[in-house]
Amino acid sequence: MAIELRDDVRKQALASIKAYFEERFEEEIGELQAQMMLDFFLEELAPTVYNKAIADAQAFVQEHVVEIDATCFEPEFGYWKKDRK
């Protein structure tokens, strides 16, 4: 599954990459260079980040599913067990 960005997010990412090069390396890079770098990141690095996020979400859900019976439990047939006066 390729990771794709919305157009507005892609534009922000490209602007960020260009600004990073200007600030860190005091070098301007063109739009094409920024696009190529973003495409590389999305193809090479983004799947690792995505997989880590999925694993973290899965661990979170599994941890909370284990507790669901304690969290979402209502005693049954308790009417007659109440102190009725």
N, C-alpha and C. Protein backbone atom coordinates (compact mmCIF):
# COMPACT_ATOMS: atom_id res chain seq x y z
N MET A 1 0.85 -1.18 0.00
CA MET A 1 0.00 0.00 0.00
C MET A 1 0.89 1.24 0.00
N ALA A 2 0.80 2.02 -1.02
CA ALA A 2 1.57 3.26 -1.09
C ALA A 2 0.93 4.31 -0.17
N ILE A 3 1.78 5.06 0.49
CA ILE A 3 1.30 6.12 1.36
C ILE A 3 1.21 7.38 0.52
N GLU A 4 0.01 7.91 0.42
CA GLU A 4 -0.21 9.11 -0.39
C GLU A 4 -0.68 10.24 0.52
N LEU A 5 -0.34 11.43 0.12
CA LEU A 5 -0.72 12.62 0.88
C LEU A 5 -1.74 13.42 0.11
N ARG A 6 -2.64 14.07 0.84
CA ARG A 6 -3.55 15.02 0.20
C ARG A 6 -2.72 16.14 -0.41
N ASP A 7 -3.26 16.79 -1.41
CA ASP A 7 -2.53 17.86 -2.11
C ASP A 7 -2.06 18.96 -1.16
N ASP A 8 -2.94 19.38 -0.24
CA ASP A 8 -2.55 20.46 0.67
C ASP A 8 -1.45 20.01 1.63
N VAL A 9 -1.49 18.77 2.05
CA VAL A 9 -0.46 18.24 2.95
C VAL A 9 0.86 18.10 2.19
N ARG A 10 0.78 17.64 0.96
CA ARG A 10 1.98 17.50 0.12
C ARG A 10 2.65 18.86 -0.08
N LYS A 11 1.87 19.90 -0.35
CA LYS A 11 2.43 21.24 -0.53
C LYS A 11 3.13 21.71 0.74
N GLN A 12 2.51 21.45 1.90
CA GLN A 12 3.13 21.84 3.17
C GLN A 12 4.42 21.06 3.40
N ALA A 13 4.42 19.77 3.07
CA ALA A 13 5.61 18.95 3.24
C ALA A 13 6.74 19.45 2.35
N LEU A 14 6.43 19.79 1.11
CA LEU A 14 7.46 20.30 0.20
C LEU A 14 8.03 21.62 0.70
N ALA A 15 7.17 22.49 1.17
CA ALA A 15 7.64 23.77 1.73
C ALA A 15 8.53 23.53 2.94
N SER A 16 8.17 22.56 3.74
CA SER A 16 8.96 22.24 4.93
C SER A 16 10.33 21.69 4.56
N ILE A 17 10.38 20.81 3.57
CA ILE A 17 11.66 20.25 3.11
C ILE A 17 12.55 21.37 2.57
N LYS A 18 11.99 22.26 1.78
CA LYS A 18 12.77 23.37 1.23
C LYS A 18 13.29 24.28 2.34
N ALA A 19 12.45 24.57 3.31
CA ALA A 19 12.86 25.42 4.44
C ALA A 19 13.94 24.73 5.27
N TYR A 20 13.83 23.43 5.44
CA TYR A 20 14.84 22.68 6.20
C TYR A 20 16.21 22.80 5.54
N PHE A 21 16.25 22.63 4.23
CA PHE A 21 17.53 22.74 3.52
C PHE A 21 18.11 24.15 3.62
N GLU A 22 17.24 25.14 3.53
CA GLU A 22 17.72 26.52 3.64
C GLU A 22 18.29 26.79 5.02
N GLU A 23 17.57 26.33 6.05
CA GLU A 23 18.00 26.62 7.43
C GLU A 23 19.21 25.78 7.83
N ARG A 24 19.19 24.50 7.55
CA ARG A 24 20.25 23.59 8.02
C ARG A 24 21.51 23.63 7.17
N PHE A 25 21.33 23.75 5.87
CA PHE A 25 22.48 23.65 4.97
C PHE A 25 22.78 24.96 4.23
N GLU A 26 21.96 25.98 4.52
CA GLU A 26 22.09 27.26 3.85
C GLU A 26 22.15 27.05 2.33
N GLU A 27 21.26 26.20 1.86
CA GLU A 27 21.20 25.86 0.44
C GLU A 27 19.75 25.81 0.01
N GLU A 28 19.46 26.47 -1.10
CA GLU A 28 18.11 26.40 -1.64
C GLU A 28 18.02 25.18 -2.55
N ILE A 29 16.92 24.46 -2.41
CA ILE A 29 16.67 23.36 -3.35
C ILE A 29 15.40 23.69 -4.12
N GLY A 30 15.33 23.19 -5.31
CA GLY A 30 14.18 23.47 -6.17
C GLY A 30 13.00 22.58 -5.84
N GLU A 31 11.91 22.89 -6.51
CA GLU A 31 10.67 22.13 -6.31
C GLU A 31 10.86 20.66 -6.69
N LEU A 32 11.55 20.41 -7.80
CA LEU A 32 11.76 19.03 -8.24
C LEU A 32 12.59 18.25 -7.23
N GLN A 33 13.65 18.87 -6.70
CA GLN A 33 14.47 18.19 -5.70
C GLN A 33 13.66 17.89 -4.44
N ALA A 34 12.86 18.83 -4.02
CA ALA A 34 12.02 18.62 -2.83
C ALA A 34 11.01 17.51 -3.09
N GLN A 35 10.43 17.48 -4.28
CA GLN A 35 9.47 16.42 -4.62
C GLN A 35 10.14 15.05 -4.62
N MET A 36 11.33 14.99 -5.18
CA MET A 36 12.04 13.72 -5.20
C MET A 36 12.39 13.25 -3.79
N MET A 37 12.78 14.18 -2.94
CA MET A 37 13.10 13.82 -1.56
C MET A 37 11.85 13.33 -0.83
N LEU A 38 10.74 14.04 -1.01
CA LEU A 38 9.49 13.64 -0.37
C LEU A 38 9.05 12.26 -0.87
N ASP A 39 9.14 12.04 -2.16
CA ASP A 39 8.77 10.73 -2.72
C ASP A 39 9.65 9.63 -2.13
N PHE A 40 10.94 9.91 -1.98
CA PHE A 40 11.85 8.93 -1.37
C PHE A 40 11.43 8.63 0.06
N PHE A 41 11.17 9.67 0.85
CA PHE A 41 10.75 9.47 2.23
C PHE A 41 9.47 8.65 2.30
N LEU A 42 8.51 8.99 1.44
CA LEU A 42 7.24 8.28 1.46
C LEU A 42 7.39 6.81 1.07
N GLU A 43 8.28 6.54 0.14
CA GLU A 43 8.46 5.16 -0.30
C GLU A 43 9.36 4.36 0.63
N GLU A 44 10.41 5.00 1.13
CA GLU A 44 11.42 4.27 1.88
C GLU A 44 11.20 4.28 3.40
N LEU A 45 10.82 5.41 3.95
CA LEU A 45 10.74 5.55 5.41
C LEU A 45 9.32 5.51 5.98
N ALA A 46 8.38 6.05 5.24
CA ALA A 46 7.01 6.14 5.74
C ALA A 46 6.41 4.79 6.12
N PRO A 47 6.66 3.71 5.36
CA PRO A 47 6.08 2.42 5.77
C PRO A 47 6.55 1.97 7.15
N THR A 48 7.80 2.26 7.50
CA THR A 48 8.30 1.89 8.84
C THR A 48 7.55 2.67 9.92
N VAL A 49 7.37 3.95 9.70
CA VAL A 49 6.64 4.79 10.66
C VAL A 49 5.19 4.34 10.75
N TYR A 50 4.58 4.06 9.60
CA TYR A 50 3.19 3.60 9.54
C TYR A 50 3.03 2.28 10.30
N ASN A 51 3.93 1.34 10.04
CA ASN A 51 3.84 0.04 10.71
C ASN A 51 4.01 0.18 12.21
N LYS A 52 4.88 1.07 12.65
CA LYS A 52 5.07 1.31 14.10
C LYS A 52 3.79 1.90 14.70
N ALA A 53 3.18 2.83 13.98
CA ALA A 53 1.94 3.43 14.47
C ALA A 53 0.83 2.40 14.58
N ILE A 54 0.72 1.51 13.59
CA ILE A 54 -0.28 0.45 13.63
C ILE A 54 -0.01 -0.49 14.80
N ALA A 55 1.25 -0.85 15.00
CA ALA A 55 1.61 -1.74 16.12
C ALA A 55 1.28 -1.08 17.46
N ASP A 56 1.56 0.20 17.59
CA ASP A 56 1.23 0.92 18.83
C ASP A 56 -0.28 0.97 19.05
N ALA A 57 -1.04 1.24 17.99
CA ALA A 57 -2.49 1.29 18.10
C ALA A 57 -3.05 -0.09 18.46
N GLN A 58 -2.49 -1.13 17.84
CA GLN A 58 -2.94 -2.49 18.13
C GLN A 58 -2.66 -2.86 19.58
N ALA A 59 -1.48 -2.51 20.08
CA ALA A 59 -1.14 -2.80 21.48
C ALA A 59 -2.08 -2.05 22.42
N PHE A 60 -2.37 -0.79 22.10
CA PHE A 60 -3.28 0.01 22.92
C PHE A 60 -4.66 -0.62 22.97
N VAL A 61 -5.18 -1.00 21.80
CA VAL A 61 -6.51 -1.60 21.74
C VAL A 61 -6.53 -2.93 22.50
N GLN A 62 -5.53 -3.77 22.29
CA GLN A 62 -5.48 -5.06 22.97
C GLN A 62 -5.42 -4.89 24.49
N GLU A 63 -4.65 -3.91 24.93
CA GLU A 63 -4.54 -3.65 26.38
C GLU A 63 -5.89 -3.25 26.96
N HIS A 64 -6.63 -2.45 26.23
CA HIS A 64 -7.92 -1.98 26.74
C HIS A 64 -9.04 -3.00 26.53
N VAL A 65 -8.92 -3.85 25.55
CA VAL A 65 -9.92 -4.89 25.35
C VAL A 65 -9.86 -5.89 26.50
N VAL A 66 -8.67 -6.15 27.00
CA VAL A 66 -8.50 -7.07 28.12
C VAL A 66 -9.26 -6.55 29.34
N GLU A 67 -9.31 -5.24 29.50
CA GLU A 67 -9.96 -4.63 30.66
C GLU A 67 -11.45 -4.35 30.44
N ILE A 68 -11.97 -4.66 29.29
CA ILE A 68 -13.35 -4.25 28.98
C ILE A 68 -14.38 -4.92 29.88
N ASP A 69 -14.14 -6.16 30.25
CA ASP A 69 -15.14 -6.82 31.12
C ASP A 69 -15.18 -6.19 32.50
N ALA A 70 -14.06 -5.68 32.99
CA ALA A 70 -14.05 -5.02 34.29
C ALA A 70 -14.62 -3.60 34.18
N THR A 71 -14.35 -2.95 33.09
CA THR A 71 -14.79 -1.57 32.90
C THR A 71 -16.27 -1.50 32.52
N CYS A 72 -16.70 -2.40 31.70
CA CYS A 72 -18.07 -2.37 31.17
C CYS A 72 -18.84 -3.58 31.69
N PHE A 73 -19.05 -3.62 32.97
CA PHE A 73 -19.76 -4.74 33.57
C PHE A 73 -20.86 -4.20 34.46
N GLU A 74 -22.00 -4.80 34.37
CA GLU A 74 -23.13 -4.44 35.23
C GLU A 74 -23.65 -5.73 35.85
N PRO A 75 -23.70 -5.78 37.18
CA PRO A 75 -24.21 -7.00 37.84
C PRO A 75 -25.63 -7.31 37.38
N GLU A 76 -25.92 -8.57 37.24
CA GLU A 76 -27.24 -9.00 36.78
C GLU A 76 -28.12 -9.40 37.96
N PHE A 77 -29.39 -9.28 37.76
CA PHE A 77 -30.41 -9.70 38.73
C PHE A 77 -30.12 -9.19 40.14
N GLY A 78 -29.88 -7.90 40.24
CA GLY A 78 -29.54 -7.31 41.54
C GLY A 78 -30.72 -6.71 42.28
N TYR A 79 -31.89 -6.71 41.66
CA TYR A 79 -33.05 -6.07 42.27
C TYR A 79 -33.34 -6.65 43.66
N TRP A 80 -33.38 -7.96 43.80
CA TRP A 80 -33.75 -8.60 45.06
C TRP A 80 -32.60 -8.61 46.07
N LYS A 81 -31.42 -8.30 45.60
CA LYS A 81 -30.27 -8.28 46.50
C LYS A 81 -30.15 -6.94 47.22
N LYS A 82 -30.86 -5.94 46.74
CA LYS A 82 -30.82 -4.63 47.37
C LYS A 82 -31.56 -4.69 48.70
N ASP A 83 -31.12 -3.87 49.62
CA ASP A 83 -31.79 -3.77 50.91
C ASP A 83 -33.11 -3.04 50.72
N ARG A 84 -34.23 -3.77 50.80
CA ARG A 84 -35.55 -3.20 50.57
C ARG A 84 -36.26 -3.05 51.93
N LYS A 85 -36.64 -1.84 52.23
CA LYS A 85 -37.32 -1.59 53.51
C LYS A 85 -38.66 -0.97 53.28
